[in-house]
Each structure stands twice: as C-alpha cells, then as structure tokens.
Amino acid sequence: MHPFDTATELEPIAAGLVRGHTEPQWANMVGPFGGITAATILRALEVQPERVGEPVALTVNFAAPIGDGEFEIVTEPARSNRSNQHWIARLRQVGETKTTATALFGTRRDSWSDTEAEAPVAPTPEQTGPQKPSEFAPWLRNYDMRIVDGAAPADASQARAESTTTLWVRDDPARTLDHAALTGLCDVFFPRVFLRRGGFVPAGTISLTIYFHADHRQLRIVGEDFVLGRARANHFGGGYFDQSATMWSRGGALLATTHQIVYFKG
C-alpha cells in the first residue's frame, strides 16, 4: 500500500465507529502530522454507509496530542437534507478526546462558476527542482516539495517582513490525488512565524479548516501531478497567528482554500 493509504487505513468496529493506528513515518515534533490526522478523519467520514455527496468543508480542532498507537474515531451525522449533509467526528485514545471535527458533504451540481482568486505566477516544478530532504520531522519525507519562494529561514538574520511561501508539492511516492490526500497537502506549510522571526519558534496548529472547491472529477484530472500552494499569515499577536493558503492545479484550477489558527511562543 502507498504510505498515505497505510496511515489512513481504518477498521470498522461498529456503526459510526472505526479504529486506526498511527504510523512512525508520519510523526511530527509532538504526535502525528496534523495533515494526516485531518485526512484520516475525513476518510472515516467518507467510508460511512450513510454518507451522501462529496467533501465541501472540513474543520479539525486539535484538542490534545495524539500518542503513538491505536485510536478510534466516532462519527455522527448531525443533519441531512436534499443537497448537503453535516457530520460530527471525534478521535479518541484510551477514552480521551484528542481531536474534534465537523464536516460538510454536498451533492455538487452544474451551476455558474467563477474564480476571483488568482493563481500564483511561478516556474514549473521541473524548473524549480527538488529540495534537499528535510530532517526537521519524519512526515516531511512523504512529500516532494519544491519551494519557489519563502523557504524556512536558518536563523534570525533571515527574518522577513512578510510571511508568504509558494511551493509545488505532491505525495512521494506519487499518488493519484483525492480529497483525503488534498487534505494532507493543505497542511504542509511550516508555521508562518518561522519566516517572520527567522528560524524555529515553538508553534502548533489548534484549528484547521479546509474548503474543497474541486470535485472528484477535477482531482482525477490532476492525477499524480504537483499542486501549487501559496500560504501567508494575516495577524500575529497574543500568542496566536492565523494562516491562509490556496491550492491550485498546474492548469490553474483552484482546488481548495484553507485557514488555520496556530499557537506560538515568543
């Protein structure tokens, strides 16, 4: 199995209850990479027999660190109507809630469409070239990331006046894109405070929201290709900052927008 599918593999236990297991190669500084946790929760919702439609929005709240080993995800359909369906999920370990989530699934239909956001102008991933593998955290080795601008600084002398990073990214080894994999890609950006302060600052995402603009047909067109992402912060203060990002196909289709609130020290 692909490492992503191994990490998000779930065993049905009962109605609305599945069991999973953390994987060492997806470890972060504390617990697993948040993107793989969010992807696993989305997968737990996608496999529910009563699920209707495709993912439209997902919010994941990281309430406490997830320990190594088994976990269970409890899912509950909160409300359904003809066009959308609302879900609530909780990830638990040893009876303790570690992560909560809400999700919206919907039946997409043909309608007028337009994209006001503009895709970043960037050299191709082939022109950008691969990056040296990072030893910062194991999960980074699961992605082929090619940074166009806004690489993580080495020290305070490289602090910047703004926090934008633009990069190409895909699973490594390559994998056909789906909504769960896109969920993981939305969280690959290092904390924006690193750029502003110059170097490592203790930080961690508390809440992550993803809005999916692409359906399964559009993701199938992307296939195993790179996705172009751009992230930036809007405000730092009181020990928190927010981070917003857009994710684009090589052809210029907006696949997802994502927002998160991050805790930091210093």
C-alpha atoms as a PDB file:
ATOM      1  CA  MET A   1       0.000   0.000   0.000  1.00  0.00           C
ATOM      2  CA  HIS A   2       1.033   3.608  -0.513  1.00  0.00           C
ATOM      3  CA  PRO A   3       2.319   5.135   2.772  1.00  0.00           C
ATOM      4  CA  PHE A   4      -0.580   7.590   2.769  1.00  0.00           C
ATOM      5  CA  ASP A   5      -3.140   4.807   2.464  1.00  0.00           C
ATOM      6  CA  THR A   6      -1.418   2.804   5.184  1.00  0.00           C
ATOM      7  CA  ALA A   7      -1.571   5.777   7.537  1.00  0.00           C
ATOM      8  CA  THR A   8      -5.257   6.443   6.834  1.00  0.00           C
ATOM      9  CA  GLU A   9      -6.370   2.801   6.826  1.00  0.00           C
ATOM     10  CA  LEU A  10      -9.337   2.231   9.134  1.00  0.00           C
ATOM     11  CA  GLU A  11     -11.062  -0.837  10.546  1.00  0.00           C
ATOM     12  CA  PRO A  12     -14.851  -0.692  11.006  1.00  0.00           C
ATOM     13  CA  ILE A  13     -15.770  -1.626  14.601  1.00  0.00           C
ATOM     14  CA  ALA A  14     -19.437  -0.726  14.874  1.00  0.00           C
ATOM     15  CA  ALA A  15     -21.930   1.711  13.393  1.00  0.00           C
ATOM     16  CA  GLY A  16     -20.237   5.115  13.390  1.00  0.00           C
ATOM     17  CA  LEU A  17     -17.015   3.756  14.915  1.00  0.00           C
ATOM     18  CA  VAL A  18     -13.693   2.948  13.209  1.00  0.00           C
ATOM     19  CA  ARG A  19     -10.226   2.127  14.512  1.00  0.00           C
ATOM     20  CA  GLY A  20      -6.898   3.337  13.175  1.00  0.00           C
ATOM     21  CA  HIS A  21      -3.215   3.297  14.113  1.00  0.00           C
ATOM     22  CA  THR A  22      -0.509   5.951  13.990  1.00  0.00           C
ATOM     23  CA  GLU A  23       2.466   5.372  11.678  1.00  0.00           C
ATOM     24  CA  PRO A  24       6.024   6.402  12.705  1.00  0.00           C
ATOM     25  CA  GLN A  25       6.869   7.818   9.273  1.00  0.00           C
ATOM     26  CA  TRP A  26       4.116  10.421   9.693  1.00  0.00           C
ATOM     27  CA  ALA A  27       5.372  11.666  13.058  1.00  0.00           C
ATOM     28  CA  ASN A  28       5.746  15.366  13.758  1.00  0.00           C
ATOM     29  CA  MET A  29       7.510  17.058  16.663  1.00  0.00           C
ATOM     30  CA  VAL A  30       4.639  16.114  19.001  1.00  0.00           C
ATOM     31  CA  GLY A  31       2.291  13.374  17.777  1.00  0.00           C
ATOM     32  CA  PRO A  32       1.472  12.740  14.122  1.00  0.00           C
ATOM     33  CA  PHE A  33       1.479  15.363  11.364  1.00  0.00           C
ATOM     34  CA  GLY A  34      -1.779  17.317  11.609  1.00  0.00           C
ATOM     35  CA  GLY A  35      -2.495  16.882   7.916  1.00  0.00           C
ATOM     36  CA  ILE A  36      -2.522  13.087   8.193  1.00  0.00           C
ATOM     37  CA  THR A  37      -4.813  13.280  11.233  1.00  0.00           C
ATOM     38  CA  ALA A  38      -7.232  15.517   9.330  1.00  0.00           C
ATOM     39  CA  ALA A  39      -7.068  13.224   6.293  1.00  0.00           C
ATOM     40  CA  THR A  40      -7.794  10.187   8.456  1.00  0.00           C
ATOM     41  CA  ILE A  41     -10.849  11.851   9.970  1.00  0.00           C
ATOM     42  CA  LEU A  42     -12.103  12.753   6.502  1.00  0.00           C
ATOM     43  CA  ARG A  43     -11.564   9.138   5.447  1.00  0.00           C
ATOM     44  CA  ALA A  44     -13.558   7.963   8.478  1.00  0.00           C
ATOM     45  CA  LEU A  45     -16.467  10.080   7.266  1.00  0.00           C
ATOM     46  CA  GLU A  46     -16.135   9.084   3.615  1.00  0.00           C
ATOM     47  CA  VAL A  47     -16.471   5.368   4.449  1.00  0.00           C
ATOM     48  CA  GLN A  48     -19.721   5.764   6.398  1.00  0.00           C
ATOM     49  CA  PRO A  49     -22.551   3.948   4.550  1.00  0.00           C
ATOM     50  CA  GLU A  50     -24.989   6.836   5.016  1.00  0.00           C
ATOM     51  CA  ARG A  51     -22.562   9.465   3.716  1.00  0.00           C
ATOM     52  CA  VAL A  52     -24.042  11.427   0.805  1.00  0.00           C
ATOM     53  CA  GLY A  53     -22.111  13.584  -1.664  1.00  0.00           C
ATOM     54  CA  GLU A  54     -18.502  14.761  -1.637  1.00  0.00           C
ATOM     55  CA  PRO A  55     -16.496  16.788   0.881  1.00  0.00           C
ATOM     56  CA  VAL A  56     -17.233  20.515   0.756  1.00  0.00           C
ATOM     57  CA  ALA A  57     -15.756  21.705   4.065  1.00  0.00           C
ATOM     58  CA  LEU A  58     -13.806  20.200   6.963  1.00  0.00           C
ATOM     59  CA  THR A  59     -12.804  21.756  10.295  1.00  0.00           C
ATOM     60  CA  VAL A  60     -10.467  19.863  12.614  1.00  0.00           C
ATOM     61  CA  ASN A  61      -9.668  21.024  16.156  1.00  0.00           C
ATOM     62  CA  PHE A  62      -6.512  19.564  17.683  1.00  0.00           C
ATOM     63  CA  ALA A  63      -7.503  19.408  21.350  1.00  0.00           C
ATOM     64  CA  ALA A  64      -4.587  17.325  22.703  1.00  0.00           C
ATOM     65  CA  PRO A  65      -1.509  15.483  21.394  1.00  0.00           C
ATOM     66  CA  ILE A  66      -2.196  12.066  19.872  1.00  0.00           C
ATOM     67  CA  GLY A  67       0.025   9.320  21.285  1.00  0.00           C
ATOM     68  CA  ASP A  68       1.628   6.519  19.305  1.00  0.00           C
ATOM     69  CA  GLY A  69      -0.603   3.510  18.776  1.00  0.00           C
ATOM     70  CA  GLU A  70      -4.280   2.790  18.261  1.00  0.00           C
ATOM     71  CA  PHE A  71      -7.053   5.351  18.185  1.00  0.00           C
ATOM     72  CA  GLU A  72     -10.751   5.304  17.367  1.00  0.00           C
ATOM     73  CA  ILE A  73     -12.911   7.782  15.503  1.00  0.00           C
ATOM     74  CA  VAL A  74     -16.563   8.227  16.368  1.00  0.00           C
ATOM     75  CA  THR A  75     -18.733   9.745  13.635  1.00  0.00           C
ATOM     76  CA  GLU A  76     -22.274  11.056  13.781  1.00  0.00           C
ATOM     77  CA  PRO A  77     -24.467  12.525  11.028  1.00  0.00           C
ATOM     78  CA  ALA A  78     -25.880  15.690  12.592  1.00  0.00           C
ATOM     79  CA  ARG A  79     -28.322  16.617   9.835  1.00  0.00           C
ATOM     80  CA  SER A  80     -29.046  15.790   6.199  1.00  0.00           C
ATOM     81  CA  ASN A  81     -31.196  17.404   3.539  1.00  0.00           C
ATOM     82  CA  ARG A  82     -31.538  17.106  -0.211  1.00  0.00           C
ATOM     83  CA  SER A  83     -28.304  18.935  -1.054  1.00  0.00           C
ATOM     84  CA  ASN A  84     -25.939  18.654   1.924  1.00  0.00           C
ATOM     85  CA  GLN A  85     -25.073  16.622   4.965  1.00  0.00           C
ATOM     86  CA  HIS A  86     -23.456  17.709   8.240  1.00  0.00           C
ATOM     87  CA  TRP A  87     -21.178  15.441  10.291  1.00  0.00           C
ATOM     88  CA  ILE A  88     -19.512  15.485  13.709  1.00  0.00           C
ATOM     89  CA  ALA A  89     -16.438  13.376  14.492  1.00  0.00           C
ATOM     90  CA  ARG A  90     -14.190  12.754  17.498  1.00  0.00           C
ATOM     91  CA  LEU A  91     -10.824  10.996  17.605  1.00  0.00           C
ATOM     92  CA  ARG A  92     -10.285   9.249  20.946  1.00  0.00           C
ATOM     93  CA  GLN A  93      -7.474   7.384  22.668  1.00  0.00           C
ATOM     94  CA  VAL A  94      -7.999   5.438  25.902  1.00  0.00           C
ATOM     95  CA  GLY A  95     -11.349   7.123  26.360  1.00  0.00           C
ATOM     96  CA  GLU A  96      -9.955  10.668  25.980  1.00  0.00           C
ATOM     97  CA  THR A  97     -10.955  13.001  23.150  1.00  0.00           C
ATOM     98  CA  LYS A  98      -7.824  14.173  21.327  1.00  0.00           C
ATOM     99  CA  THR A  99      -9.349  15.752  18.205  1.00  0.00           C
ATOM    100  CA  THR A 100     -12.794  17.002  17.244  1.00  0.00           C
ATOM    101  CA  ALA A 101     -14.104  17.768  13.777  1.00  0.00           C
ATOM    102  CA  THR A 102     -17.110  18.909  11.804  1.00  0.00           C
ATOM    103  CA  ALA A 103     -17.603  18.320   8.103  1.00  0.00           C
ATOM    104  CA  LEU A 104     -19.981  19.272   5.345  1.00  0.00           C
ATOM    105  CA  PHE A 105     -20.649  16.920   2.432  1.00  0.00           C
ATOM    106  CA  GLY A 106     -22.700  18.011  -0.522  1.00  0.00           C
ATOM    107  CA  THR A 107     -24.113  16.885  -3.823  1.00  0.00           C
ATOM    108  CA  ARG A 108     -22.469  19.103  -6.412  1.00  0.00           C
ATOM    109  CA  ARG A 109     -24.494  20.270  -9.399  1.00  0.00           C
ATOM    110  CA  ASP A 110     -23.864  22.193 -12.579  1.00  0.00           C
ATOM    111  CA  SER A 111     -24.027  25.929 -11.932  1.00  0.00           C
ATOM    112  CA  TRP A 112     -22.481  29.232 -12.937  1.00  0.00           C
ATOM    113  CA  SER A 113     -18.892  29.412 -11.722  1.00  0.00           C
ATOM    114  CA  ASP A 114     -16.037  31.899 -11.495  1.00  0.00           C
ATOM    115  CA  THR A 115     -12.768  32.193  -9.547  1.00  0.00           C
ATOM    116  CA  GLU A 116     -11.829  35.634  -8.231  1.00  0.00           C
ATOM    117  CA  ALA A 117      -8.576  34.482  -6.638  1.00  0.00           C
ATOM    118  CA  GLU A 118      -5.568  34.420  -8.960  1.00  0.00           C
ATOM    119  CA  ALA A 119      -3.109  31.556  -9.164  1.00  0.00           C
ATOM    120  CA  PRO A 120       0.482  32.438  -8.232  1.00  0.00           C
ATOM    121  CA  VAL A 121       2.853  33.054 -11.107  1.00  0.00           C
ATOM    122  CA  ALA A 122       5.624  30.522 -10.616  1.00  0.00           C
ATOM    123  CA  PRO A 123       8.168  28.480 -12.552  1.00  0.00           C
ATOM    124  CA  THR A 124       7.138  24.862 -13.164  1.00  0.00           C
ATOM    125  CA  PRO A 125       8.102  22.194 -10.607  1.00  0.00           C
ATOM    126  CA  GLU A 126      10.575  20.836 -13.144  1.00  0.00           C
ATOM    127  CA  GLN A 127      12.216  24.260 -13.364  1.00  0.00           C
ATOM    128  CA  THR A 128      12.152  24.649  -9.592  1.00  0.00           C
ATOM    129  CA  GLY A 129      13.801  21.297  -8.970  1.00  0.00           C
ATOM    130  CA  PRO A 130      13.664  19.008  -5.916  1.00  0.00           C
ATOM    131  CA  GLN A 131      14.672  20.187  -2.465  1.00  0.00           C
ATOM    132  CA  LYS A 132      17.180  18.555  -0.155  1.00  0.00           C
ATOM    133  CA  PRO A 133      15.263  16.121   2.106  1.00  0.00           C
ATOM    134  CA  SER A 134      14.447  17.780   5.433  1.00  0.00           C
ATOM    135  CA  GLU A 135      15.327  16.178   8.764  1.00  0.00           C
ATOM    136  CA  PHE A 136      13.005  18.512  10.678  1.00  0.00           C
ATOM    137  CA  ALA A 137      10.271  15.880  11.096  1.00  0.00           C
ATOM    138  CA  PRO A 138       9.681  12.375   9.628  1.00  0.00           C
ATOM    139  CA  TRP A 139       6.406  13.300   7.893  1.00  0.00           C
ATOM    140  CA  LEU A 140       8.207  15.687   5.522  1.00  0.00           C
ATOM    141  CA  ARG A 141       9.804  12.728   3.734  1.00  0.00           C
ATOM    142  CA  ASN A 142       6.340  11.710   2.479  1.00  0.00           C
ATOM    143  CA  TYR A 143       6.147  14.751   0.198  1.00  0.00           C
ATOM    144  CA  ASP A 144       8.054  16.041  -2.797  1.00  0.00           C
ATOM    145  CA  MET A 145       8.111  19.771  -2.007  1.00  0.00           C
ATOM    146  CA  ARG A 146       9.708  22.279  -4.363  1.00  0.00           C
ATOM    147  CA  ILE A 147       9.839  25.746  -2.822  1.00  0.00           C
ATOM    148  CA  VAL A 148       9.558  28.632  -5.253  1.00  0.00           C
ATOM    149  CA  ASP A 149       9.999  31.315  -2.578  1.00  0.00           C
ATOM    150  CA  GLY A 150       9.692  31.694   1.171  1.00  0.00           C
ATOM    151  CA  ALA A 151      11.840  28.777   2.331  1.00  0.00           C
ATOM    152  CA  ALA A 152      12.265  28.236   6.067  1.00  0.00           C
ATOM    153  CA  PRO A 153      14.992  30.556   7.381  1.00  0.00           C
ATOM    154  CA  ALA A 154      18.097  29.230   9.101  1.00  0.00           C
ATOM    155  CA  ASP A 155      18.425  31.951  11.755  1.00  0.00           C
ATOM    156  CA  ALA A 156      17.207  35.373  12.896  1.00  0.00           C
ATOM    157  CA  SER A 157      19.334  37.146  10.291  1.00  0.00           C
ATOM    158  CA  GLN A 158      16.947  35.727   7.646  1.00  0.00           C
ATOM    159  CA  ALA A 159      13.752  37.066   9.284  1.00  0.00           C
ATOM    160  CA  ARG A 160      11.383  38.600   6.748  1.00  0.00           C
ATOM    161  CA  ALA A 161       8.893  41.449   6.819  1.00  0.00           C
ATOM    162  CA  GLU A 162       6.153  39.222   5.341  1.00  0.00           C
ATOM    163  CA  SER A 163       5.267  35.559   5.590  1.00  0.00           C
ATOM    164  CA  THR A 164       4.432  34.258   2.110  1.00  0.00           C
ATOM    165  CA  THR A 165       5.625  30.855   0.873  1.00  0.00           C
ATOM    166  CA  THR A 166       4.933  29.490  -2.605  1.00  0.00           C
ATOM    167  CA  LEU A 167       5.680  25.862  -3.393  1.00  0.00           C
ATOM    168  CA  TRP A 168       4.879  22.867  -5.564  1.00  0.00           C
ATOM    169  CA  VAL A 169       4.001  19.680  -3.680  1.00  0.00           C
ATOM    170  CA  ARG A 170       2.809  16.130  -4.273  1.00  0.00           C
ATOM    171  CA  ASP A 171       2.893  12.817  -2.439  1.00  0.00           C
ATOM    172  CA  ASP A 172       6.191  10.942  -2.514  1.00  0.00           C
ATOM    173  CA  PRO A 173       5.976   8.356  -3.954  1.00  0.00           C
ATOM    174  CA  ALA A 174       3.481   9.920  -6.355  1.00  0.00           C
ATOM    175  CA  ARG A 175      -0.182   9.075  -5.744  1.00  0.00           C
ATOM    176  CA  THR A 176      -3.401   9.973  -7.570  1.00  0.00           C
ATOM    177  CA  LEU A 177      -4.982  12.955  -5.820  1.00  0.00           C
ATOM    178  CA  ASP A 178      -8.239  12.538  -3.903  1.00  0.00           C
ATOM    179  CA  HIS A 179      -9.912  14.605  -1.192  1.00  0.00           C
ATOM    180  CA  ALA A 180      -8.103  12.865   1.664  1.00  0.00           C
ATOM    181  CA  ALA A 181      -4.703  13.408   0.030  1.00  0.00           C
ATOM    182  CA  LEU A 182      -5.610  17.039  -0.731  1.00  0.00           C
ATOM    183  CA  THR A 183      -6.433  17.448   2.964  1.00  0.00           C
ATOM    184  CA  GLY A 184      -2.879  16.450   3.838  1.00  0.00           C
ATOM    185  CA  LEU A 185      -1.387  18.769   1.222  1.00  0.00           C
ATOM    186  CA  CYS A 186      -3.276  21.720   2.703  1.00  0.00           C
ATOM    187  CA  ASP A 187      -1.229  21.411   5.905  1.00  0.00           C
ATOM    188  CA  VAL A 188       2.313  21.046   4.516  1.00  0.00           C
ATOM    189  CA  PHE A 189       3.322  24.681   5.125  1.00  0.00           C
ATOM    190  CA  PHE A 190       5.653  25.306   8.063  1.00  0.00           C
ATOM    191  CA  PRO A 191       4.370  27.841  10.631  1.00  0.00           C
ATOM    192  CA  ARG A 192       4.439  31.371   9.209  1.00  0.00           C
ATOM    193  CA  VAL A 193       6.055  32.697  12.385  1.00  0.00           C
ATOM    194  CA  PHE A 194       9.294  30.946  11.335  1.00  0.00           C
ATOM    195  CA  LEU A 195       9.635  33.376   8.437  1.00  0.00           C
ATOM    196  CA  ARG A 196       8.794  36.464  10.462  1.00  0.00           C
ATOM    197  CA  ARG A 197      11.071  35.683  13.414  1.00  0.00           C
ATOM    198  CA  GLY A 198      13.840  33.943  11.469  1.00  0.00           C
ATOM    199  CA  GLY A 199      14.184  30.288  12.433  1.00  0.00           C
ATOM    200  CA  PHE A 200      12.370  27.800  14.636  1.00  0.00           C
ATOM    201  CA  VAL A 201       9.720  29.046  17.055  1.00  0.00           C
ATOM    202  CA  PRO A 202       7.642  26.599  19.153  1.00  0.00           C
ATOM    203  CA  ALA A 203       4.253  26.529  17.417  1.00  0.00           C
ATOM    204  CA  GLY A 204       1.336  24.202  16.709  1.00  0.00           C
ATOM    205  CA  THR A 205      -1.938  24.294  14.796  1.00  0.00           C
ATOM    206  CA  ILE A 206      -5.018  24.352  17.016  1.00  0.00           C
ATOM    207  CA  SER A 207      -7.763  24.501  14.395  1.00  0.00           C
ATOM    208  CA  LEU A 208      -7.627  23.777  10.658  1.00  0.00           C
ATOM    209  CA  THR A 209     -10.406  24.432   8.141  1.00  0.00           C
ATOM    210  CA  ILE A 210     -10.395  23.354   4.500  1.00  0.00           C
ATOM    211  CA  TYR A 211     -12.880  24.331   1.810  1.00  0.00           C
ATOM    212  CA  PHE A 212     -12.862  21.920  -1.120  1.00  0.00           C
ATOM    213  CA  HIS A 213     -13.598  23.595  -4.458  1.00  0.00           C
ATOM    214  CA  ALA A 214     -12.779  20.611  -6.681  1.00  0.00           C
ATOM    215  CA  ASP A 215     -14.908  17.501  -7.083  1.00  0.00           C
ATOM    216  CA  HIS A 216     -13.542  14.007  -7.686  1.00  0.00           C
ATOM    217  CA  ARG A 217     -13.514  14.510 -11.468  1.00  0.00           C
ATOM    218  CA  GLN A 218     -11.300  17.588 -11.189  1.00  0.00           C
ATOM    219  CA  LEU A 219      -8.965  15.814  -8.794  1.00  0.00           C
ATOM    220  CA  ARG A 220      -8.724  12.863 -11.158  1.00  0.00           C
ATOM    221  CA  ILE A 221      -7.525  15.269 -13.864  1.00  0.00           C
ATOM    222  CA  VAL A 222      -4.690  16.376 -11.563  1.00  0.00           C
ATOM    223  CA  GLY A 223      -3.771  12.716 -11.085  1.00  0.00           C
ATOM    224  CA  GLU A 224      -0.240  12.308  -9.727  1.00  0.00           C
ATOM    225  CA  ASP A 225       0.862  15.796 -10.754  1.00  0.00           C
ATOM    226  CA  PHE A 226       2.134  18.550  -8.459  1.00  0.00           C
ATOM    227  CA  VAL A 227      -0.178  21.033  -6.749  1.00  0.00           C
ATOM    228  CA  LEU A 228       0.838  24.689  -6.413  1.00  0.00           C
ATOM    229  CA  GLY A 229       0.279  26.186  -2.967  1.00  0.00           C
ATOM    230  CA  ARG A 230       0.719  29.641  -1.517  1.00  0.00           C
ATOM    231  CA  ALA A 231       0.400  30.425   2.211  1.00  0.00           C
ATOM    232  CA  ARG A 232       0.629  33.594   4.276  1.00  0.00           C
ATOM    233  CA  ALA A 233      -0.381  34.917   7.680  1.00  0.00           C
ATOM    234  CA  ASN A 234      -2.681  37.861   8.344  1.00  0.00           C
ATOM    235  CA  HIS A 235      -2.004  38.699  12.016  1.00  0.00           C
ATOM    236  CA  PHE A 236       0.332  37.710  14.860  1.00  0.00           C
ATOM    237  CA  GLY A 237      -0.467  38.555  18.469  1.00  0.00           C
ATOM    238  CA  GLY A 238      -1.419  37.278  21.896  1.00  0.00           C
ATOM    239  CA  GLY A 239       0.397  34.007  21.273  1.00  0.00           C
ATOM    240  CA  TYR A 240      -1.638  33.126  18.162  1.00  0.00           C
ATOM    241  CA  PHE A 241      -1.489  33.750  14.431  1.00  0.00           C
ATOM    242  CA  ASP A 242      -3.697  32.761  11.539  1.00  0.00           C
ATOM    243  CA  GLN A 243      -2.537  31.221   8.261  1.00  0.00           C
ATOM    244  CA  SER A 244      -4.372  31.178   4.928  1.00  0.00           C
ATOM    245  CA  ALA A 245      -3.456  29.192   1.825  1.00  0.00           C
ATOM    246  CA  THR A 246      -4.715  28.393  -1.652  1.00  0.00           C
ATOM    247  CA  MET A 247      -4.029  25.158  -3.549  1.00  0.00           C
ATOM    248  CA  TRP A 248      -4.015  25.115  -7.358  1.00  0.00           C
ATOM    249  CA  SER A 249      -3.635  22.607 -10.164  1.00  0.00           C
ATOM    250  CA  ARG A 250      -0.910  23.112 -12.735  1.00  0.00           C
ATOM    251  CA  GLY A 251      -3.655  24.164 -15.132  1.00  0.00           C
ATOM    252  CA  GLY A 252      -4.794  26.985 -12.842  1.00  0.00           C
ATOM    253  CA  ALA A 253      -7.870  25.391 -11.219  1.00  0.00           C
ATOM    254  CA  LEU A 254      -8.442  26.363  -7.578  1.00  0.00           C
ATOM    255  CA  LEU A 255      -8.663  23.033  -5.741  1.00  0.00           C
ATOM    256  CA  ALA A 256      -9.004  24.180  -2.121  1.00  0.00           C
ATOM    257  CA  THR A 257      -8.612  27.097   0.244  1.00  0.00           C
ATOM    258  CA  THR A 258      -7.502  26.504   3.814  1.00  0.00           C
ATOM    259  CA  HIS A 259      -7.273  28.515   7.009  1.00  0.00           C
ATOM    260  CA  GLN A 260      -5.822  27.705  10.406  1.00  0.00           C
ATOM    261  CA  ILE A 261      -5.162  29.277  13.789  1.00  0.00           C
ATOM    262  CA  VAL A 262      -1.774  28.494  15.312  1.00  0.00           C
ATOM    263  CA  TYR A 263      -0.410  28.807  18.834  1.00  0.00           C
ATOM    264  CA  PHE A 264       3.170  30.042  19.212  1.00  0.00           C
ATOM    265  CA  LYS A 265       5.652  31.032  21.923  1.00  0.00           C
ATOM    266  CA  GLY A 266       7.975  34.018  21.794  1.00  0.00           C
END
